[in-house]
Amino acid sequence: MAMEANKYGLNFSYQTFCDYLPRITGASSSPANAPLIKRILGCYPNSTIYGVGSHSALLSISGSLCVKVSYKPGGEHIIHEQEIFRQLESIPCSSISHALYCAPDLIFMELYKNGTLHERLSSTKAPRPVLQWMQQLSEAVACLEALGYAHGELSPRNIMFTEDDNLRLVDFDHSLKLGEDLEVGDYPLYTAQFGGTFGILGSIFWYMVRGTELWAGVQGLDLVDRLIARTCPDMDLEDPVNRISRDCWTGRFDFCGRARSLHPPAGVFEGS
């Protein structure tokens, strides 16, 4: 029986991947140096390359299973991520992706079929349980912090959704010890300049609720100045979700307590 095609993801063939990879890695990585990718694609009929990053590729190998493959044998990023997954076993959190099996240069994981936050908000599927997502993301971030780590690359592309619309935080190869400088991030909304992890959460919550990114349309030095100054947009602070975003940007957010305390009226955050 043929595997159902993925609605989301790149779904690249191996040849398309070979053409694409040098463009995102500055020619520093070559598929020839990662023969596991071609071997895995050959072993699993109808498998595709679901996602491509700077250090690894995510291969969809069945309707519910994927495998992350390092470009570089013994690559430090996938070894680091495997260690994060090992530690996460001691603090189970349903809002975080977990490894099903790890082997040298490989991590087998569940494949999340509702795509990334970008893709979910672009779809017409309703309702959108935004308050649930806010709580789940807060719990995922708090779980990492309990281990002494920050995600390191917290952004809409690393937030995915299950078929039943539950949030999963993914991609921990850039996780870092609390207090260390961030190495990467989507400039500028999802980097440490805007209030660290708290500020990033506020920007993501804003995007979840409104479907547009914070300060959309503002560019250049004007945008940089607003972020450095942690300037909050004008909003109705009688709205509890707006207050949560404001508290994130000003560094006063209690990860789980505030989200759990909200009990919105029927229909709130359930629009298309």
Protein backbone atom coordinates (compact mmCIF):
# COMPACT_ATOMS: atom_id res chain seq x y z
CA MET A 1 0.00 0.00 0.00
CA ALA A 2 1.45 3.37 -1.04
CA MET A 3 2.25 5.89 1.65
CA GLU A 4 -0.08 8.88 1.69
CA ALA A 5 1.60 12.01 0.35
CA ASN A 6 2.55 14.61 2.92
CA LYS A 7 0.43 17.77 2.76
CA TYR A 8 3.23 19.78 4.34
CA GLY A 9 7.01 19.71 4.15
CA LEU A 10 9.35 20.07 1.19
CA ASN A 11 8.86 16.48 -0.07
CA PHE A 12 12.05 16.73 -2.11
CA SER A 13 13.41 13.92 -4.22
CA TYR A 14 17.06 13.06 -3.70
CA GLN A 15 18.04 14.91 -6.88
CA THR A 16 16.18 18.06 -5.85
CA PHE A 17 17.89 17.83 -2.46
CA CYS A 18 21.31 17.57 -4.12
CA ASP A 19 20.59 20.71 -6.13
CA TYR A 20 19.22 22.62 -3.14
CA LEU A 21 21.65 21.79 -0.33
CA PRO A 22 24.69 23.82 -1.49
CA ARG A 23 22.52 26.94 -1.63
CA ILE A 24 21.60 26.84 2.06
CA THR A 25 24.94 25.65 3.40
CA GLY A 26 27.22 27.87 1.32
CA ALA A 27 28.51 24.73 -0.42
CA SER A 28 29.93 23.56 2.92
CA SER A 29 27.84 20.37 2.85
CA SER A 30 27.44 17.87 0.06
CA PRO A 31 25.06 14.90 -0.21
CA ALA A 32 28.10 12.87 -1.21
CA ASN A 33 29.34 13.31 2.35
CA ALA A 34 26.05 12.01 3.76
CA PRO A 35 25.47 8.66 2.01
CA LEU A 36 22.97 7.62 4.71
CA ILE A 37 20.37 9.93 3.20
CA LYS A 38 20.41 8.17 -0.17
CA ARG A 39 20.51 4.73 1.49
CA ILE A 40 17.49 5.48 3.69
CA LEU A 41 15.48 6.86 0.78
CA GLY A 42 16.26 3.66 -1.11
CA CYS A 43 15.17 1.45 1.79
CA TYR A 44 11.76 3.04 2.33
CA PRO A 45 9.44 3.17 -0.71
CA ASN A 46 7.75 6.56 -1.24
CA SER A 47 9.99 8.22 1.36
CA THR A 48 10.88 11.87 0.74
CA ILE A 49 13.04 14.61 2.17
CA TYR A 50 10.56 16.47 4.37
CA GLY A 51 12.83 19.22 5.66
CA VAL A 52 16.34 20.54 5.09
CA GLY A 53 18.47 22.39 7.65
CA SER A 54 22.00 23.67 7.86
CA HIS A 55 23.32 20.51 9.59
CA SER A 56 20.81 17.75 8.87
CA ALA A 57 17.86 16.64 6.76
CA LEU A 58 14.51 15.28 7.95
CA LEU A 59 13.28 12.29 5.95
CA SER A 60 9.66 11.18 5.94
CA ILE A 61 9.81 7.38 5.82
CA SER A 62 6.19 6.47 6.62
CA GLY A 63 2.89 8.18 7.33
CA SER A 64 3.82 8.65 10.99
CA LEU A 65 7.61 8.28 11.18
CA CYS A 66 10.57 10.41 10.20
CA VAL A 67 14.32 10.24 10.67
CA LYS A 68 16.77 13.09 11.10
CA VAL A 69 20.07 12.46 9.33
CA SER A 70 23.28 14.42 9.93
CA TYR A 71 25.13 15.65 6.85
CA LYS A 72 28.43 15.17 8.63
CA PRO A 73 29.27 11.74 10.08
CA GLY A 74 29.74 12.22 13.80
CA GLY A 75 28.41 15.76 13.53
CA GLU A 76 28.43 17.71 16.79
CA HIS A 77 24.90 19.05 16.33
CA ILE A 78 23.16 15.70 16.05
CA ILE A 79 25.26 14.30 18.93
CA HIS A 80 24.19 17.29 21.03
CA GLU A 81 20.53 16.81 20.11
CA GLN A 82 20.69 13.12 21.01
CA GLU A 83 22.00 14.13 24.43
CA ILE A 84 19.11 16.57 24.88
CA PHE A 85 16.65 13.80 24.00
CA ARG A 86 18.34 11.50 26.51
CA GLN A 87 17.89 14.09 29.25
CA LEU A 88 14.29 14.74 28.24
CA GLU A 89 13.46 11.13 29.06
CA SER A 90 13.76 12.07 32.74
CA ILE A 91 11.20 14.88 32.44
CA PRO A 92 8.40 13.69 30.16
CA CYS A 93 6.56 16.54 28.45
CA SER A 94 3.87 15.84 25.88
CA SER A 95 4.45 19.21 24.18
CA ILE A 96 8.03 18.35 23.21
CA SER A 97 9.11 16.02 20.43
CA HIS A 98 10.83 12.89 21.75
CA ALA A 99 13.25 10.53 20.06
CA LEU A 100 11.94 7.05 19.37
CA TYR A 101 15.39 5.65 18.63
CA CYS A 102 18.89 7.08 18.20
CA ALA A 103 21.81 5.62 16.28
CA PRO A 104 25.05 7.18 15.00
CA ASP A 105 24.06 10.17 12.83
CA LEU A 106 20.33 9.27 13.05
CA ILE A 107 17.33 10.20 15.19
CA PHE A 108 13.98 8.46 14.57
CA MET A 109 10.96 10.53 15.61
CA GLU A 110 7.23 10.89 15.13
CA LEU A 111 6.23 12.77 11.97
CA TYR A 112 3.82 15.61 12.74
CA LYS A 113 1.28 15.90 9.95
CA ASN A 114 -0.25 19.33 10.58
CA GLY A 115 2.95 21.12 9.62
CA THR A 116 4.69 24.07 11.25
CA LEU A 117 3.07 27.05 12.95
CA HIS A 118 3.46 29.01 9.70
CA GLU A 119 1.66 26.26 7.79
CA ARG A 120 -1.04 25.75 10.41
CA LEU A 121 -1.95 29.45 10.48
CA SER A 122 -1.99 29.52 6.67
CA SER A 123 -4.55 26.70 6.52
CA THR A 124 -8.31 27.16 6.64
CA LYS A 125 -8.74 24.50 9.31
CA ALA A 126 -10.86 25.65 12.24
CA PRO A 127 -10.97 26.03 15.15
CA ARG A 128 -7.56 27.34 16.12
CA PRO A 129 -7.12 26.52 19.83
CA VAL A 130 -4.64 29.34 20.40
CA LEU A 131 -4.89 29.35 24.19
CA GLN A 132 -4.11 25.62 24.25
CA TRP A 133 -1.10 26.22 21.99
CA MET A 134 0.17 29.02 24.21
CA GLN A 135 -0.02 26.80 27.27
CA GLN A 136 1.65 23.87 25.49
CA LEU A 137 4.50 26.02 24.19
CA SER A 138 5.00 27.51 27.66
CA GLU A 139 5.16 24.04 29.19
CA ALA A 140 7.66 22.88 26.56
CA VAL A 141 9.96 25.85 27.19
CA ALA A 142 9.62 25.40 30.96
CA CYS A 143 10.53 21.71 30.61
CA LEU A 144 13.75 22.59 28.79
CA GLU A 145 14.57 25.21 31.41
CA ALA A 146 14.08 22.59 34.13
CA LEU A 147 16.98 20.74 32.50
CA GLY A 148 19.02 23.93 32.45
CA TYR A 149 18.62 24.61 28.71
CA ALA A 150 17.14 27.21 26.39
CA HIS A 151 15.88 26.04 23.01
CA GLY A 152 18.31 28.26 21.10
CA GLU A 153 16.24 28.49 17.92
CA LEU A 154 12.70 29.14 19.12
CA SER A 155 10.67 30.24 16.10
CA PRO A 156 7.47 29.33 14.19
CA ARG A 157 9.33 26.87 11.97
CA ASN A 158 10.32 24.77 14.99
CA ILE A 159 6.76 24.56 16.31
CA MET A 160 4.75 21.73 14.75
CA PHE A 161 1.32 20.18 15.22
CA THR A 162 -0.11 16.70 15.49
CA GLU A 163 -3.18 15.54 13.58
CA ASP A 164 -5.33 16.35 16.61
CA ASP A 165 -3.87 19.89 16.72
CA ASN A 166 -1.60 19.56 19.72
CA LEU A 167 1.62 21.56 19.66
CA ARG A 168 5.05 19.97 19.61
CA LEU A 169 8.32 21.87 20.04
CA VAL A 170 11.02 20.33 17.81
CA ASP A 171 14.66 20.69 16.77
CA PHE A 172 17.07 20.87 19.70
CA ASP A 173 20.43 20.77 17.94
CA HIS A 174 21.11 24.40 18.88
CA SER A 175 19.90 24.14 22.49
CA LEU A 176 22.27 25.82 24.89
CA LYS A 177 22.85 26.14 28.59
CA LEU A 178 20.89 28.93 30.27
CA GLY A 179 22.89 32.13 30.21
CA GLU A 180 24.94 31.26 27.13
CA ASP A 181 24.75 33.49 24.05
CA LEU A 182 22.38 32.40 21.31
CA GLU A 183 24.15 31.12 18.22
CA VAL A 184 21.29 31.33 15.72
CA GLY A 185 17.79 32.68 15.26
CA ASP A 186 15.43 34.29 12.75
CA TYR A 187 16.43 37.96 12.76
CA PRO A 188 15.06 39.94 14.39
CA LEU A 189 11.85 38.80 16.11
CA TYR A 190 13.10 35.44 17.33
CA THR A 191 16.51 36.34 18.71
CA ALA A 192 17.71 37.25 22.17
CA GLN A 193 17.89 40.99 21.45
CA PHE A 194 14.16 41.26 22.11
CA GLY A 195 13.96 40.09 25.71
CA GLY A 196 15.54 36.63 25.41
CA THR A 197 13.25 33.60 25.62
CA PHE A 198 10.47 35.67 27.20
CA GLY A 199 10.51 38.17 24.35
CA ILE A 200 10.55 35.42 21.74
CA LEU A 201 7.52 33.80 23.40
CA GLY A 202 5.69 37.11 23.29
CA SER A 203 6.39 37.47 19.57
CA ILE A 204 5.18 33.92 18.90
CA PHE A 205 2.03 34.40 21.00
CA TRP A 206 1.30 37.58 19.04
CA TYR A 207 1.69 35.65 15.78
CA MET A 208 -0.53 32.79 17.00
CA VAL A 209 -3.38 35.16 17.87
CA ARG A 210 -3.17 37.55 14.93
CA GLY A 211 -1.67 35.49 12.14
CA THR A 212 0.79 38.26 11.30
CA GLU A 213 4.23 38.79 12.79
CA LEU A 214 4.95 41.54 15.28
CA TRP A 215 5.77 44.88 13.62
CA ALA A 216 4.89 43.52 10.17
CA GLY A 217 5.75 46.22 7.64
CA VAL A 218 8.29 47.96 9.90
CA GLN A 219 11.82 47.61 8.54
CA GLY A 220 15.42 48.68 8.93
CA LEU A 221 16.66 50.78 11.83
CA ASP A 222 13.12 51.62 12.93
CA LEU A 223 12.46 47.92 13.57
CA VAL A 224 15.82 47.39 15.29
CA ASP A 225 15.24 50.39 17.57
CA ARG A 226 11.82 49.11 18.60
CA LEU A 227 13.15 45.67 19.41
CA ILE A 228 16.16 46.90 21.37
CA ALA A 229 13.92 49.26 23.36
CA ARG A 230 11.38 46.43 23.83
CA THR A 231 8.69 48.77 22.58
CA CYS A 232 5.29 47.14 22.97
CA PRO A 233 2.68 47.76 20.28
CA ASP A 234 -0.54 49.52 21.20
CA MET A 235 -3.06 46.93 22.36
CA ASP A 236 -6.00 46.43 24.67
CA LEU A 237 -4.52 45.39 28.02
CA GLU A 238 -7.97 44.40 29.27
CA ASP A 239 -7.47 41.37 27.03
CA PRO A 240 -5.65 38.72 29.14
CA VAL A 241 -3.73 37.37 26.16
CA ASN A 242 -2.43 40.83 25.30
CA ARG A 243 -1.27 41.15 28.91
CA ILE A 244 0.61 37.84 28.59
CA SER A 245 2.40 39.09 25.46
CA ARG A 246 3.25 42.38 27.21
CA ASP A 247 4.59 40.48 30.24
CA CYS A 248 6.74 38.33 27.95
CA TRP A 249 8.27 41.39 26.30
CA THR A 250 8.96 42.99 29.66
CA GLY A 251 10.36 39.80 31.22
CA ARG A 252 7.59 39.21 33.75
CA PHE A 253 5.88 36.12 32.35
CA ASP A 254 5.27 33.03 34.53
CA PHE A 255 5.59 30.24 31.95
CA CYS A 256 2.71 27.99 32.96
CA GLY A 257 0.81 29.74 35.72
CA ARG A 258 -0.53 32.62 33.62
CA ALA A 259 -1.67 30.48 30.69
CA ARG A 260 -3.38 27.98 32.99
CA SER A 261 -5.18 30.78 34.84
CA LEU A 262 -7.01 31.90 31.71
CA HIS A 263 -10.53 30.64 31.12
CA PRO A 264 -11.73 32.45 28.01
CA PRO A 265 -15.40 32.67 27.07
CA ALA A 266 -16.70 30.09 24.62
CA GLY A 267 -15.48 30.81 21.12
CA VAL A 268 -12.41 32.84 22.06
CA PHE A 269 -9.40 31.88 19.87
CA GLU A 270 -11.52 29.41 17.93
CA GLY A 271 -12.00 31.42 14.78
CA SER A 272 -10.59 30.50 11.41
